[in-house]
């Protein structure tokens, strides 16, 4: 029986055991689920050229991500800090500087992205957004549309209140984004918004605990499967 078990296990030793493949697959699915829980900003919209501004709040502070469609990387980087100053105020952006613009040439139109990170207090704060002031900063880029979003993760809560035709207040849940304002060139629509940012809260350990339990169960199942095949070889 021992020799038979060794002969049946020998071929599996040359490659990846079926149980190991299942373990890798389950681990990959779990990790992808964790990655999917992070906040994903909305895609840019037209008409182009356009700028989408995503205001992201985290435990470490906040950041302003600018996504330009059909705009110059140099122009987007040049306007990024003034835009951050308009959104967060001068005190929070005193030492702010933009990341090097990255370009996705395979998109149509080409997308350019740059980010400005700022420091925010751990306690709650409030931001005031003015659509006209933001559009004025983008005037030199001759953009045709603008969209501003406020996003949060598990560390903070936000309440977005927009003053515009047909707008309603939006309480963003963890890992989501809410629109603060949009405009199209020469549409005559003006908007302002207030973003109430909650204090930093402790991240819940339940998603991590559940993930660990599922992973341990998967590992146990794989071990039992391998042991069963080794003690009961196929005829």
Foldseek 3Di string as FASTA:
>chain_A
DLVVLCVLCVVCVVDPHPLNVLLVVLVVVLVVVVVVQAADDDDDDDDPQEKEWEWEQDQQAIKIKIKTFPFDQVLCQVLRLVLVCLWPNCVFSVPKHKDRWDWDVVDVRIIIMIMIGTGDDLAKDKTKFWPVVNVVSCVVRVTFKYWYKYAYAQFKWKWKQKPWVPDHIDTDDHRYMDTNDMDGPPPPTTMMMMMIIHGTDDGDCVSVVVSVVVSVVSVVVSVVVVVVCSVDPDD
